[in-house]
Amino acid sequence: MNANNTRINAPFHAMTEVIARDWYQRGHLTTTGYILAIKGLLKPFSDRFEIENVSAFCEQWGIKRASFYRAISKLKADNEIDWETTTNITITIIDVTTDEEKAVSLSHKRNIKASPKKGFQ
């Protein structure tokens, strides 16, 4: 939906693992954006995202370890995520949307579910 609460009748581009990897490798996504995209691909928005082995995660997704730690530190400093480490790294997305934005988001999700096309929610 747009600002006037009318549907935009245009196809949209769902993020996939292949697209995220390609965009990251070509420099279209920063490491911070790539980590948020990976989280969105693997877990629902409100779910905690646990990384058991940072080295293996970084190798699997083609991220340098130093870049990974810089990115999650930046996201935490920007109040986008919170992260903690015990034996795993746990990333939690912080919901900073206003009640009005949540209402628009919920309305958008209902319209998507009624639509015959699937998309990135």
C-alpha atoms as a PDB file:
ATOM      1  CA  MET A   1       0.000   0.000   0.000  1.00  0.00           C
ATOM      2  CA  ASN A   2       1.093   3.532  -0.577  1.00  0.00           C
ATOM      3  CA  ALA A   3       0.613   6.639   1.570  1.00  0.00           C
ATOM      4  CA  ASN A   4      -2.997   7.010   0.363  1.00  0.00           C
ATOM      5  CA  ASN A   5      -3.849   3.451   1.487  1.00  0.00           C
ATOM      6  CA  THR A   6      -4.463   2.284  -2.061  1.00  0.00           C
ATOM      7  CA  ARG A   7      -3.018  -0.890  -3.476  1.00  0.00           C
ATOM      8  CA  ILE A   8      -0.102  -0.631  -5.843  1.00  0.00           C
ATOM      9  CA  ASN A   9      -0.900  -2.938  -8.734  1.00  0.00           C
ATOM     10  CA  ALA A  10       2.659  -3.733  -9.683  1.00  0.00           C
ATOM     11  CA  PRO A  11       4.640  -6.927  -9.256  1.00  0.00           C
ATOM     12  CA  PHE A  12       7.316  -6.866  -6.605  1.00  0.00           C
ATOM     13  CA  HIS A  13      10.603  -8.679  -6.301  1.00  0.00           C
ATOM     14  CA  ALA A  14      10.832 -11.246  -3.500  1.00  0.00           C
ATOM     15  CA  MET A  15      14.252 -11.593  -1.851  1.00  0.00           C
ATOM     16  CA  THR A  16      15.682 -15.083  -2.221  1.00  0.00           C
ATOM     17  CA  GLU A  17      18.928 -16.626  -1.029  1.00  0.00           C
ATOM     18  CA  VAL A  18      20.301 -16.634  -4.579  1.00  0.00           C
ATOM     19  CA  ILE A  19      19.486 -12.953  -5.082  1.00  0.00           C
ATOM     20  CA  ALA A  20      20.891 -11.940  -1.681  1.00  0.00           C
ATOM     21  CA  ARG A  21      24.157 -13.818  -2.318  1.00  0.00           C
ATOM     22  CA  ASP A  22      24.480 -12.343  -5.811  1.00  0.00           C
ATOM     23  CA  TRP A  23      23.766  -8.783  -4.685  1.00  0.00           C
ATOM     24  CA  TYR A  24      26.230  -9.095  -1.794  1.00  0.00           C
ATOM     25  CA  GLN A  25      28.979 -10.510  -4.000  1.00  0.00           C
ATOM     26  CA  ARG A  26      28.445  -7.713  -6.540  1.00  0.00           C
ATOM     27  CA  GLY A  27      28.497  -5.041  -3.829  1.00  0.00           C
ATOM     28  CA  HIS A  28      24.807  -4.115  -4.072  1.00  0.00           C
ATOM     29  CA  LEU A  29      24.233  -5.085  -0.419  1.00  0.00           C
ATOM     30  CA  THR A  30      26.427  -4.017   2.469  1.00  0.00           C
ATOM     31  CA  THR A  31      27.312  -6.641   5.053  1.00  0.00           C
ATOM     32  CA  THR A  32      24.763  -5.093   7.433  1.00  0.00           C
ATOM     33  CA  GLY A  33      22.026  -5.315   4.796  1.00  0.00           C
ATOM     34  CA  TYR A  34      23.107  -8.840   3.880  1.00  0.00           C
ATOM     35  CA  ILE A  35      22.878 -10.017   7.491  1.00  0.00           C
ATOM     36  CA  LEU A  36      19.385  -8.534   7.806  1.00  0.00           C
ATOM     37  CA  ALA A  37      18.428 -10.227   4.519  1.00  0.00           C
ATOM     38  CA  ILE A  38      19.809 -13.582   5.722  1.00  0.00           C
ATOM     39  CA  LYS A  39      17.881 -13.252   8.988  1.00  0.00           C
ATOM     40  CA  GLY A  40      14.713 -12.457   7.026  1.00  0.00           C
ATOM     41  CA  LEU A  41      15.238 -15.444   4.749  1.00  0.00           C
ATOM     42  CA  LEU A  42      15.836 -17.913   7.582  1.00  0.00           C
ATOM     43  CA  LYS A  43      13.538 -16.743  10.394  1.00  0.00           C
ATOM     44  CA  PRO A  44      10.295 -14.791  10.812  1.00  0.00           C
ATOM     45  CA  PHE A  45      10.790 -11.137  11.781  1.00  0.00           C
ATOM     46  CA  SER A  46      10.047 -11.577  15.491  1.00  0.00           C
ATOM     47  CA  ASP A  47      11.992 -14.840  15.988  1.00  0.00           C
ATOM     48  CA  ARG A  48      15.431 -14.889  17.569  1.00  0.00           C
ATOM     49  CA  PHE A  49      18.205 -15.840  15.170  1.00  0.00           C
ATOM     50  CA  GLU A  50      20.882 -18.029  16.724  1.00  0.00           C
ATOM     51  CA  ILE A  51      24.241 -18.584  15.084  1.00  0.00           C
ATOM     52  CA  GLU A  52      25.935 -21.565  16.693  1.00  0.00           C
ATOM     53  CA  ASN A  53      29.264 -21.213  14.920  1.00  0.00           C
ATOM     54  CA  VAL A  54      30.205 -17.762  13.607  1.00  0.00           C
ATOM     55  CA  SER A  55      33.115 -19.089  11.534  1.00  0.00           C
ATOM     56  CA  ALA A  56      30.915 -21.675   9.817  1.00  0.00           C
ATOM     57  CA  PHE A  57      28.125 -19.117   9.290  1.00  0.00           C
ATOM     58  CA  CYS A  58      30.547 -16.631   7.740  1.00  0.00           C
ATOM     59  CA  GLU A  59      32.057 -19.284   5.494  1.00  0.00           C
ATOM     60  CA  GLN A  60      28.604 -20.549   4.431  1.00  0.00           C
ATOM     61  CA  TRP A  61      27.396 -17.059   3.499  1.00  0.00           C
ATOM     62  CA  GLY A  62      30.698 -15.684   2.137  1.00  0.00           C
ATOM     63  CA  ILE A  63      31.219 -13.025   4.830  1.00  0.00           C
ATOM     64  CA  LYS A  64      34.562 -12.176   6.434  1.00  0.00           C
ATOM     65  CA  ARG A  65      34.431 -12.632  10.228  1.00  0.00           C
ATOM     66  CA  ALA A  66      35.632  -9.094  10.900  1.00  0.00           C
ATOM     67  CA  SER A  67      32.941  -7.748   8.538  1.00  0.00           C
ATOM     68  CA  PHE A  68      30.317  -9.834  10.354  1.00  0.00           C
ATOM     69  CA  TYR A  69      31.249  -8.409  13.762  1.00  0.00           C
ATOM     70  CA  ARG A  70      31.450  -4.847  12.392  1.00  0.00           C
ATOM     71  CA  ALA A  71      28.015  -5.257  10.804  1.00  0.00           C
ATOM     72  CA  ILE A  72      26.238  -6.610  13.895  1.00  0.00           C
ATOM     73  CA  SER A  73      27.942  -3.968  16.041  1.00  0.00           C
ATOM     74  CA  LYS A  74      26.708  -1.257  13.642  1.00  0.00           C
ATOM     75  CA  LEU A  75      23.185  -2.684  13.673  1.00  0.00           C
ATOM     76  CA  LYS A  76      23.241  -2.701  17.479  1.00  0.00           C
ATOM     77  CA  ALA A  77      24.576   0.876  17.619  1.00  0.00           C
ATOM     78  CA  ASP A  78      21.800   1.940  15.206  1.00  0.00           C
ATOM     79  CA  ASN A  79      19.252   0.229  17.500  1.00  0.00           C
ATOM     80  CA  GLU A  80      18.220  -2.161  14.705  1.00  0.00           C
ATOM     81  CA  ILE A  81      19.150  -5.328  16.566  1.00  0.00           C
ATOM     82  CA  ASP A  82      20.310  -6.534  19.898  1.00  0.00           C
ATOM     83  CA  TRP A  83      22.832  -9.318  20.095  1.00  0.00           C
ATOM     84  CA  GLU A  84      24.359 -11.329  22.839  1.00  0.00           C
ATOM     85  CA  THR A  85      26.861 -14.101  22.999  1.00  0.00           C
ATOM     86  CA  THR A  86      27.045 -17.065  25.313  1.00  0.00           C
ATOM     87  CA  THR A  87      28.128 -20.078  23.324  1.00  0.00           C
ATOM     88  CA  ASN A  88      26.047 -18.913  20.337  1.00  0.00           C
ATOM     89  CA  ILE A  89      25.449 -15.474  18.839  1.00  0.00           C
ATOM     90  CA  THR A  90      21.767 -14.583  19.221  1.00  0.00           C
ATOM     91  CA  ILE A  91      20.411 -11.728  17.101  1.00  0.00           C
ATOM     92  CA  THR A  92      17.055 -10.149  17.965  1.00  0.00           C
ATOM     93  CA  ILE A  93      15.439  -7.564  15.689  1.00  0.00           C
ATOM     94  CA  ILE A  94      14.198  -4.530  17.643  1.00  0.00           C
ATOM     95  CA  ASP A  95      10.714  -3.410  16.576  1.00  0.00           C
ATOM     96  CA  VAL A  96      10.749   0.376  16.434  1.00  0.00           C
ATOM     97  CA  THR A  97       7.650   0.878  14.269  1.00  0.00           C
ATOM     98  CA  THR A  98       4.918   3.155  15.536  1.00  0.00           C
ATOM     99  CA  ASP A  99       1.381   1.901  16.183  1.00  0.00           C
ATOM    100  CA  GLU A 100       0.281   3.588  12.942  1.00  0.00           C
ATOM    101  CA  GLU A 101       3.035   1.825  10.969  1.00  0.00           C
ATOM    102  CA  LYS A 102       2.063  -1.502  12.563  1.00  0.00           C
ATOM    103  CA  ALA A 103      -1.575  -0.980  11.535  1.00  0.00           C
ATOM    104  CA  VAL A 104      -0.510  -0.297   7.938  1.00  0.00           C
ATOM    105  CA  SER A 105       1.779  -3.334   8.022  1.00  0.00           C
ATOM    106  CA  LEU A 106      -0.993  -5.593   9.332  1.00  0.00           C
ATOM    107  CA  SER A 107      -3.387  -4.258   6.712  1.00  0.00           C
ATOM    108  CA  HIS A 108      -0.760  -4.898   4.024  1.00  0.00           C
ATOM    109  CA  LYS A 109      -0.261  -8.484   5.216  1.00  0.00           C
ATOM    110  CA  ARG A 110      -4.007  -9.188   5.074  1.00  0.00           C
ATOM    111  CA  ASN A 111      -4.139  -7.898   1.502  1.00  0.00           C
ATOM    112  CA  ILE A 112      -1.132 -10.011   0.508  1.00  0.00           C
ATOM    113  CA  LYS A 113      -2.703 -13.181   1.949  1.00  0.00           C
ATOM    114  CA  ALA A 114      -5.870 -12.531  -0.058  1.00  0.00           C
ATOM    115  CA  SER A 115      -3.826 -12.065  -3.213  1.00  0.00           C
ATOM    116  CA  PRO A 116      -3.133 -15.052  -5.477  1.00  0.00           C
ATOM    117  CA  LYS A 117       0.509 -13.968  -5.737  1.00  0.00           C
ATOM    118  CA  LYS A 118       3.021 -14.886  -3.049  1.00  0.00           C
ATOM    119  CA  GLY A 119       5.528 -12.347  -1.863  1.00  0.00           C
ATOM    120  CA  PHE A 120       8.099 -11.262   0.673  1.00  0.00           C
ATOM    121  CA  GLN A 121       6.352 -10.187   3.877  1.00  0.00           C
END
